[in-house]
C-alpha cells in the first residue's frame, strides 16, 4: 500500500495526471513547428514518464505516481482537455502531498520530476531555426544574462544547446511552472 491509496479519487487524479498534463501544457505553450513539433514532444513525454515509472532510485512516492500515470495511459486523451488549470493543479497537488507525507524531500522530488518532464518536452523540438542576426544576438544575450543570474544564485543552468532548443514561449511557461512548484511560498 502506498500514500496514493489514502487519497480521494479526485485528489489522486490531480496528482497522477500532472506528469502528463504538465508535459502537454508545455508542448501547447508554443505551436511553432506544427504537427512535427507536437509529435516529437509527445513522444518525449511518453518516454520520460515511462522512464521515471521504471526508475527504482530516488523517491519511492514519485515512482508510485509515475507508475500510476503510466498505467492510466488510456486516460491521457481525457486529461488533454484540461491544460488551463495545470499551474493551479500543481499548487493543489503539492498541498495534498504535504498533508500526506512526512518527508518534505518527497515534495521536492515530485516538483523536480515535473520540472524535468517539462524541460524535456520543451527541448524536444528546436524552434529557433530561422532567425535574423538581430534575433540571434538578442537570444544569445538573454542566455548569458540567465546564466549569470543562475551563477549568482549558485544554481545550475542549462547548456547553450539546451537553451536554443527551448522557445521564448516555452521558457515563459517553464518559469510559470517553476513558480507554481515552488516550495518556498
Protein backbone atom coordinates (compact mmCIF):
# COMPACT_ATOMS: atom_id res chain seq x y z
CA UNK A 1 0.00 0.00 0.00
CA UNK A 2 1.22 3.49 -0.75
CA UNK A 3 0.15 7.00 0.18
CA UNK A 4 -1.87 7.40 -3.03
CA UNK A 5 -4.34 4.82 -1.72
CA UNK A 6 -5.28 7.20 1.12
CA UNK A 7 -6.43 9.95 -1.26
CA UNK A 8 -9.86 10.60 -2.67
CA UNK A 9 -10.31 9.71 -6.34
CA UNK A 10 -10.27 13.42 -7.24
CA UNK A 11 -7.06 14.10 -5.29
CA UNK A 12 -5.37 11.08 -6.79
CA UNK A 13 -6.34 12.07 -10.33
CA UNK A 14 -4.97 15.59 -9.87
CA UNK A 15 -1.61 14.22 -8.74
CA UNK A 16 -1.39 11.27 -11.13
CA UNK A 17 -2.46 13.26 -14.18
CA UNK A 18 0.06 16.06 -13.62
CA UNK A 19 3.13 14.39 -15.14
CA UNK A 20 1.27 14.01 -18.43
CA UNK A 21 -0.63 17.29 -18.22
CA UNK A 22 2.49 19.33 -17.38
CA UNK A 23 4.29 17.93 -20.42
CA UNK A 24 1.32 18.54 -22.68
CA UNK A 25 0.88 22.06 -21.32
CA UNK A 26 4.50 22.90 -22.14
CA UNK A 27 4.07 21.43 -25.62
CA UNK A 28 0.96 23.54 -26.21
CA UNK A 29 2.69 26.70 -24.97
CA UNK A 30 4.39 27.07 -28.37
CA UNK A 31 2.82 25.77 -31.54
CA UNK A 32 5.82 26.68 -33.72
CA UNK A 33 6.73 23.65 -35.76
CA UNK A 34 3.14 22.48 -36.11
CA UNK A 35 2.33 18.79 -36.01
CA UNK A 36 6.00 17.79 -36.34
CA UNK A 37 6.93 19.52 -33.09
CA UNK A 38 3.84 18.21 -31.29
CA UNK A 39 4.61 14.65 -32.36
CA UNK A 40 8.24 14.88 -31.20
CA UNK A 41 7.27 16.49 -27.91
CA UNK A 42 4.55 13.93 -27.13
CA UNK A 43 6.94 11.09 -27.96
CA UNK A 44 9.44 12.52 -25.47
CA UNK A 45 6.67 12.99 -22.91
CA UNK A 46 5.61 9.35 -23.13
CA UNK A 47 9.21 8.13 -22.99
CA UNK A 48 10.15 10.20 -19.95
CA UNK A 49 7.06 9.16 -17.99
CA UNK A 50 7.88 5.55 -18.85
CA UNK A 51 11.49 6.04 -17.74
CA UNK A 52 10.51 7.67 -14.45
CA UNK A 53 7.96 4.94 -13.75
CA UNK A 54 10.68 2.31 -14.04
CA UNK A 55 13.28 4.24 -12.05
CA UNK A 56 13.99 2.49 -8.78
CA UNK A 57 16.44 5.05 -7.38
CA UNK A 58 15.19 8.27 -5.84
CA UNK A 59 11.77 8.97 -4.45
CA UNK A 60 9.55 5.97 -3.86
CA UNK A 61 6.48 8.22 -3.86
CA UNK A 62 7.39 9.74 -7.23
CA UNK A 63 7.95 6.28 -8.65
CA UNK A 64 4.44 5.26 -7.50
CA UNK A 65 2.95 8.40 -9.03
CA UNK A 66 4.75 7.88 -12.34
CA UNK A 67 3.82 4.21 -12.45
CA UNK A 68 0.18 5.15 -11.84
CA UNK A 69 0.39 7.84 -14.56
CA UNK A 70 1.78 5.27 -16.98
CA UNK A 71 -0.81 2.65 -16.03
CA UNK A 72 -3.54 5.14 -16.92
CA UNK A 73 -2.13 5.87 -20.39
CA UNK A 74 -5.53 5.14 -21.92
CA UNK A 75 -6.87 8.14 -19.94
CA UNK A 76 -4.27 10.59 -21.30
CA UNK A 77 -6.57 11.81 -24.09
CA UNK A 78 -9.19 12.64 -21.44
CA UNK A 79 -6.57 14.61 -19.49
CA UNK A 80 -5.63 16.59 -22.61
CA UNK A 81 -8.58 18.95 -22.43
CA UNK A 82 -7.70 20.46 -19.07
CA UNK A 83 -4.44 22.28 -19.69
CA UNK A 84 -5.59 25.71 -18.42
CA UNK A 85 -5.60 24.57 -14.80
CA UNK A 86 -2.15 22.93 -14.79
CA UNK A 87 -0.41 25.60 -12.72
CA UNK A 88 -3.22 25.75 -10.18
CA UNK A 89 -3.31 21.95 -10.01
CA UNK A 90 0.44 21.88 -9.33
CA UNK A 91 -0.13 24.02 -6.26
CA UNK A 92 -3.10 21.86 -5.20
CA UNK A 93 -1.08 18.66 -5.68
CA UNK A 94 1.78 19.95 -3.53
CA UNK A 95 -0.71 20.93 -0.85
CA UNK A 96 -2.35 17.49 -0.93
CA UNK A 97 1.00 15.74 -0.79
CA UNK A 98 2.19 18.00 2.05
CA UNK A 99 -0.78 16.81 4.11
CA UNK A 100 0.03 13.14 3.48
CA UNK A 101 3.80 12.75 3.51
CA UNK A 102 6.15 13.16 6.42
CA UNK A 103 9.33 13.65 4.42
CA UNK A 104 9.34 17.05 2.70
CA UNK A 105 12.04 15.72 0.36
CA UNK A 106 9.25 13.77 -1.33
CA UNK A 107 7.51 17.05 -2.21
CA UNK A 108 10.71 18.40 -3.66
CA UNK A 109 11.29 15.22 -5.63
CA UNK A 110 7.80 15.46 -7.15
CA UNK A 111 8.33 19.12 -8.11
CA UNK A 112 11.74 18.28 -9.61
CA UNK A 113 10.30 15.41 -11.68
CA UNK A 114 7.52 17.61 -13.05
CA UNK A 115 10.10 20.25 -13.96
CA UNK A 116 12.31 17.64 -15.63
CA UNK A 117 9.36 16.42 -17.68
CA UNK A 118 8.55 19.98 -18.75
CA UNK A 119 12.16 20.73 -19.69
CA UNK A 120 12.48 17.50 -21.68
CA UNK A 121 9.31 18.27 -23.63
CA UNK A 122 10.35 21.88 -24.22
CA UNK A 123 13.72 20.76 -25.54
CA UNK A 124 12.34 18.04 -27.81
CA UNK A 125 11.92 20.30 -30.84
CA UNK A 126 14.22 23.13 -31.81
CA UNK A 127 12.00 26.09 -32.66
CA UNK A 128 14.86 28.55 -33.30
CA UNK A 129 15.88 27.52 -36.80
CA UNK A 130 15.05 30.61 -38.86
CA UNK A 131 16.12 33.81 -37.15
CA UNK A 132 17.59 37.14 -38.21
CA UNK A 133 21.02 38.20 -36.98
CA UNK A 134 19.45 40.67 -34.55
CA UNK A 135 17.13 37.98 -33.17
CA UNK A 136 20.11 35.66 -32.69
CA UNK A 137 22.09 38.36 -30.83
CA UNK A 138 19.14 39.06 -28.53
CA UNK A 139 18.68 35.34 -27.94
CA UNK A 140 22.35 34.79 -27.07
CA UNK A 141 22.35 37.82 -24.79
CA UNK A 142 19.30 36.53 -22.95
CA UNK A 143 21.05 33.19 -22.47
CA UNK A 144 24.12 34.80 -20.94
CA UNK A 145 22.01 37.04 -18.66
CA UNK A 146 20.09 33.98 -17.44
CA UNK A 147 23.37 32.08 -16.98
CA UNK A 148 24.83 34.94 -14.90
CA UNK A 149 21.66 35.16 -12.75
CA UNK A 150 21.86 31.43 -12.18
CA UNK A 151 25.53 31.66 -11.21
CA UNK A 152 24.76 34.43 -8.73
CA UNK A 153 22.11 32.19 -7.15
CA UNK A 154 24.65 29.34 -7.23
CA UNK A 155 22.28 27.13 -9.22
CA UNK A 156 22.87 25.06 -12.32
CA UNK A 157 21.70 26.44 -15.65
CA UNK A 158 21.12 24.56 -18.88
CA UNK A 159 23.68 24.46 -21.66
CA UNK A 160 23.52 26.80 -24.65
CA UNK A 161 22.45 23.90 -26.85
CA UNK A 162 19.57 23.09 -24.48
CA UNK A 163 18.67 26.78 -24.24
CA UNK A 164 18.45 27.07 -28.03
CA UNK A 165 16.01 24.15 -28.09
CA UNK A 166 13.55 25.97 -25.85
CA UNK A 167 11.45 28.74 -27.36
CA UNK A 168 10.64 32.00 -25.62
CA UNK A 169 7.03 30.86 -25.05
CA UNK A 170 8.22 27.54 -23.60
CA UNK A 171 10.70 29.38 -21.38
CA UNK A 172 7.90 31.60 -20.05
CA UNK A 173 5.81 28.51 -19.40
CA UNK A 174 8.76 26.84 -17.61
CA UNK A 175 9.20 29.93 -15.42
CA UNK A 176 5.49 29.92 -14.55
CA UNK A 177 5.70 26.20 -13.75
CA UNK A 178 8.73 26.78 -11.55
CA UNK A 179 6.80 29.42 -9.61
CA UNK A 180 3.79 27.13 -9.22
CA UNK A 181 6.01 24.30 -7.96
CA UNK A 182 7.98 26.46 -5.55
CA UNK A 183 8.03 25.06 -2.06
CA UNK A 184 9.17 28.44 -0.71
CA UNK A 185 5.67 30.00 -0.64
